[in-house]
Protein backbone atom coordinates (compact mmCIF):
# COMPACT_ATOMS: atom_id res chain seq x y z
CA MET A 1 171.16 35.48 15.09
CA LYS A 2 172.49 35.22 18.62
CA SER A 3 170.77 36.35 21.77
CA SER A 4 171.56 36.54 25.44
CA SER A 5 169.27 37.34 28.33
CA SER A 6 169.72 40.07 30.90
CA SER A 7 167.99 40.95 34.13
CA ASN A 8 165.41 43.71 34.32
CA SER A 9 167.54 45.69 36.70
CA GLY A 10 169.23 48.81 35.41
CA ILE A 11 172.78 48.66 34.17
CA ALA A 12 175.17 50.71 36.28
CA PHE A 13 176.92 53.58 34.60
CA GLY A 14 180.66 53.19 34.33
CA LYS A 15 180.44 49.67 32.91
CA GLU A 16 180.54 48.58 29.29
CA SER A 17 177.27 47.41 27.79
CA VAL A 18 176.10 43.81 27.63
CA LEU A 19 174.95 42.11 24.44
CA LEU A 20 171.23 41.38 24.24
CA LEU A 21 170.77 40.41 20.59
CA GLU A 22 172.94 40.10 17.49
CA ASN A 23 172.22 39.63 13.81
CA VAL A 24 174.73 38.83 11.08
CA PHE A 25 173.42 40.10 7.73
CA SER A 26 174.24 36.93 5.81
CA ASP A 27 171.71 37.88 3.13
CA ILE A 28 173.55 41.16 2.47
CA ASP A 29 177.14 40.52 3.54
CA PRO A 30 178.33 38.36 6.47
CA ARG A 31 180.77 41.13 7.42
CA PHE A 32 177.87 43.27 8.61
CA VAL A 33 176.67 42.86 12.20
CA LEU A 34 173.87 44.59 14.10
CA GLN A 35 173.60 44.39 17.88
CA VAL A 36 171.14 45.50 20.53
CA ARG A 37 172.98 46.23 23.77
CA LYS A 38 172.15 47.45 27.25
CA GLY A 39 174.45 49.66 29.28
CA ASP A 40 176.44 52.86 29.42
CA LEU A 41 177.00 54.20 25.90
CA THR A 42 179.88 56.35 27.11
CA MET A 43 181.84 53.19 27.97
CA GLU A 44 181.48 51.55 24.55
CA LYS A 45 184.78 50.31 23.14
CA VAL A 46 183.95 51.11 19.53
CA ASP A 47 185.42 53.38 16.89
CA VAL A 48 182.51 55.84 17.08
CA ILE A 49 180.00 56.83 19.73
CA VAL A 50 177.04 58.88 18.50
CA ASN A 51 175.73 61.55 20.86
CA ALA A 52 172.10 62.68 20.75
CA ALA A 53 172.83 66.41 20.61
CA ASN A 54 170.86 69.64 20.46
CA CYS A 55 171.27 72.22 17.72
CA ARG A 56 173.63 74.37 19.83
CA LEU A 57 175.81 71.45 20.95
CA GLN A 58 175.24 72.41 24.57
CA HIS A 59 175.77 69.09 26.32
CA MET A 60 173.93 69.85 29.54
CA SER A 61 171.97 66.77 30.54
CA GLY A 62 170.99 63.24 29.61
CA LEU A 63 173.37 61.31 27.38
CA ALA A 64 175.08 64.49 26.17
CA GLY A 65 175.78 65.55 29.75
CA ALA A 66 177.15 62.10 30.59
CA ILE A 67 179.44 62.24 27.56
CA VAL A 68 181.01 65.49 28.75
CA LYS A 69 181.16 64.29 32.36
CA ASN A 70 182.99 61.11 31.39
CA GLY A 71 184.88 62.42 28.38
CA GLY A 72 185.94 65.76 29.81
CA GLN A 73 185.17 69.44 29.25
CA ILE A 74 187.39 69.40 26.17
CA ILE A 75 184.39 67.94 24.32
CA GLN A 76 182.18 70.90 25.25
CA LYS A 77 184.97 73.37 24.45
CA GLU A 78 185.47 71.88 20.99
CA SER A 79 181.70 71.84 20.44
CA ASN A 80 181.49 75.53 21.34
CA LYS A 81 184.29 76.33 18.91
CA LEU A 82 182.62 74.32 16.17
CA ILE A 83 179.36 76.27 16.51
CA LYS A 84 181.25 79.56 16.67
CA ASP A 85 183.21 78.73 13.53
CA LEU A 86 180.05 77.66 11.69
CA GLY A 87 178.31 80.87 12.70
CA ARG A 88 174.96 79.11 13.06
CA GLU A 89 173.09 76.42 14.91
CA LEU A 90 172.99 72.92 13.48
CA GLU A 91 169.94 71.72 11.59
CA ASN A 92 167.84 68.63 12.21
CA GLY A 93 169.51 65.61 10.66
CA GLU A 94 172.97 67.18 10.73
CA VAL A 95 175.95 65.36 12.24
CA VAL A 96 179.32 66.80 13.24
CA GLU A 97 182.47 65.30 14.70
CA THR A 98 184.59 66.24 17.71
CA ILE A 99 187.38 64.57 19.60
CA SER A 100 186.29 61.94 22.12
CA GLY A 101 188.31 63.18 25.08
CA ASP A 102 188.65 60.51 27.75
CA LEU A 103 185.97 58.26 26.26
CA PRO A 104 187.14 54.81 25.09
CA CYS A 105 185.99 55.40 21.50
CA LYS A 106 188.24 56.81 18.78
CA THR A 107 185.96 59.69 17.83
CA LEU A 108 182.62 61.25 18.70
CA TYR A 109 179.74 62.19 16.41
CA HIS A 110 177.02 64.62 17.49
CA ALA A 111 173.70 63.98 15.74
CA VAL A 112 170.86 66.50 15.93
CA GLY A 113 167.59 64.62 15.83
CA PRO A 114 164.11 66.11 15.38
CA ILE A 115 161.92 67.27 18.25
CA TRP A 116 158.64 65.37 18.18
CA SER A 117 155.55 67.54 18.21
CA SER A 118 153.07 66.29 20.81
CA ARG A 119 150.09 67.44 18.74
CA LYS A 120 150.91 64.74 16.20
CA ALA A 121 150.65 62.06 18.87
CA ASN A 122 150.94 58.77 16.98
CA ASP A 123 149.44 59.94 13.72
CA PHE A 124 151.61 58.07 11.24
CA LYS A 125 149.96 59.73 8.24
CA THR A 126 150.78 63.40 8.78
CA LEU A 127 153.38 65.08 6.61
CA GLY A 128 155.03 66.47 9.74
CA ALA A 129 155.57 63.05 11.23
CA GLU A 130 157.01 61.79 7.95
CA GLN A 131 159.40 64.75 7.94
CA GLU A 132 160.57 63.89 11.44
CA ASP A 133 161.11 60.28 10.39
CA PHE A 134 163.20 61.57 7.49
CA GLU A 135 165.29 63.83 9.73
CA LEU A 136 165.91 61.04 12.22
CA GLY A 137 166.95 58.75 9.39
CA MET A 138 169.29 61.47 8.13
CA CYS A 139 171.10 61.44 11.49
CA VAL A 140 171.72 57.73 11.30
CA GLU A 141 172.66 57.66 7.62
CA ALA A 142 175.03 60.61 7.99
CA SER A 143 176.72 58.96 10.98
CA LEU A 144 177.19 55.71 9.08
CA ASN A 145 178.48 57.54 6.02
CA MET A 146 181.02 59.46 8.08
CA ALA A 147 182.25 56.27 9.71
CA VAL A 148 182.63 54.43 6.40
CA GLU A 149 184.35 57.38 4.72
CA SER A 150 186.82 57.52 7.63
CA GLY A 151 187.57 53.81 7.39
CA LEU A 152 186.04 53.06 10.79
CA SER A 153 184.41 49.71 11.49
CA SER A 154 182.27 49.95 14.62
CA ILE A 155 179.68 52.50 15.72
CA SER A 156 177.31 52.69 18.68
CA LEU A 157 174.11 54.72 18.53
CA PRO A 158 171.46 55.56 21.14
CA ALA A 159 167.74 55.91 20.49
CA ILE A 160 168.21 59.41 19.05
CA SER A 161 165.42 61.91 19.81
CA SER A 162 163.48 59.46 22.02
CA GLY A 163 164.44 61.15 25.28
CA ILE A 164 163.58 64.78 26.03
CA PHE A 165 162.90 65.37 22.31
CA GLY A 166 159.87 63.12 22.70
CA PHE A 167 160.14 60.96 19.58
CA PRO A 168 158.06 57.79 20.23
CA LYS A 169 160.46 55.02 21.16
CA ASP A 170 158.80 52.33 19.05
CA ARG A 171 158.77 54.61 16.02
CA CYS A 172 162.39 55.56 16.66
CA ALA A 173 163.37 51.89 16.69
CA LYS A 174 161.66 51.27 13.35
CA VAL A 175 163.42 54.25 11.74
CA LEU A 176 166.83 53.23 13.08
CA PHE A 177 166.50 49.59 12.02
CA ASN A 178 165.20 50.58 8.58
CA THR A 179 167.96 53.12 8.02
CA VAL A 180 170.79 50.82 9.05
CA THR A 181 169.47 47.94 6.93
CA GLU A 182 169.01 50.09 3.84
CA PHE A 183 172.42 51.70 4.33
CA LEU A 184 174.15 48.32 4.48
CA LYS A 185 172.34 47.16 1.34
CA SER A 186 173.26 50.31 -0.56
CA ASN A 187 176.87 50.58 0.61
CA LYS A 188 178.05 47.00 0.46
CA ASP A 189 180.84 47.83 -1.97
CA ASN A 190 181.90 50.99 -0.11
CA ILE A 191 182.49 49.28 3.23
CA LYS A 192 186.02 47.87 3.20
CA ALA A 193 186.28 46.64 6.79
CA ASP A 194 186.52 42.89 7.43
CA ARG A 195 183.75 43.37 10.01
CA PHE A 196 181.39 46.35 10.20
CA GLU A 197 179.49 46.47 13.48
CA VAL A 198 176.52 48.69 14.31
CA ARG A 199 175.26 48.80 17.89
CA PHE A 200 172.04 50.19 19.32
CA THR A 201 173.00 50.84 22.94
CA ASN A 202 170.63 52.16 25.59
CA PHE A 203 170.63 51.92 29.37
CA ASP A 204 166.95 51.88 30.36
CA ASP A 205 164.70 48.84 30.38
CA GLU A 206 161.89 50.44 28.36
CA THR A 207 164.05 51.43 25.40
CA CYS A 208 166.02 48.19 25.42
CA ASN A 209 162.80 46.17 25.47
CA ILE A 210 161.37 48.15 22.55
CA PHE A 211 164.52 47.74 20.48
CA SER A 212 164.65 44.04 21.34
CA LYS A 213 161.03 43.62 20.25
CA GLU A 214 161.73 45.38 16.95
CA PHE A 215 164.83 43.22 16.43
CA LYS A 216 162.88 40.00 16.99
CA SER A 217 160.12 41.10 14.62
CA ARG A 218 162.71 41.38 11.85
CA PHE A 219 165.26 38.64 12.45
CA ASN A 220 163.48 35.81 14.30
């Protein structure tokens, strides 16, 4: 495991992320790398950027809005066409692909995460909460599957659903770490890349600190 420190000040948009923590999965396969990074996801120089999207693919605000702002309206236009061609809204856990426009990545995935119900609060035992965990995990697993099937070798994900969708950030981190680890264990033989890199990239201190804490609880 490697780590590097960063200041508590916010990372300016328009700059590539900085590495906070890195783990090489030597116990699974030394080709597999997981990083926690801080910065602007839209500037990630990876094969795939994952957008935290809504079911209509209307990229109005937050990360989705920044993706269209930096990547160009062609992303929104293609998203509109995709929904029109499907003839329906996307479901929780579903992931679709569009071009990446002017973004530095090769392609763009749009993952529809679950909306957290406030009445559940932090009740980890309710069936509803377990369903939302499952749907969030589906987003991550589907994104990883799509990348592997396309022969891509690096992917950067945000803390899906933890913004305006209200999914608790600490719970989100656990689901994302669990899903990535289990995926790598189960797909060792399917991943052909010499190096397969998964990044958790967020720009705000709170989310980065939570993901760093979860990382250290697993790999330190």
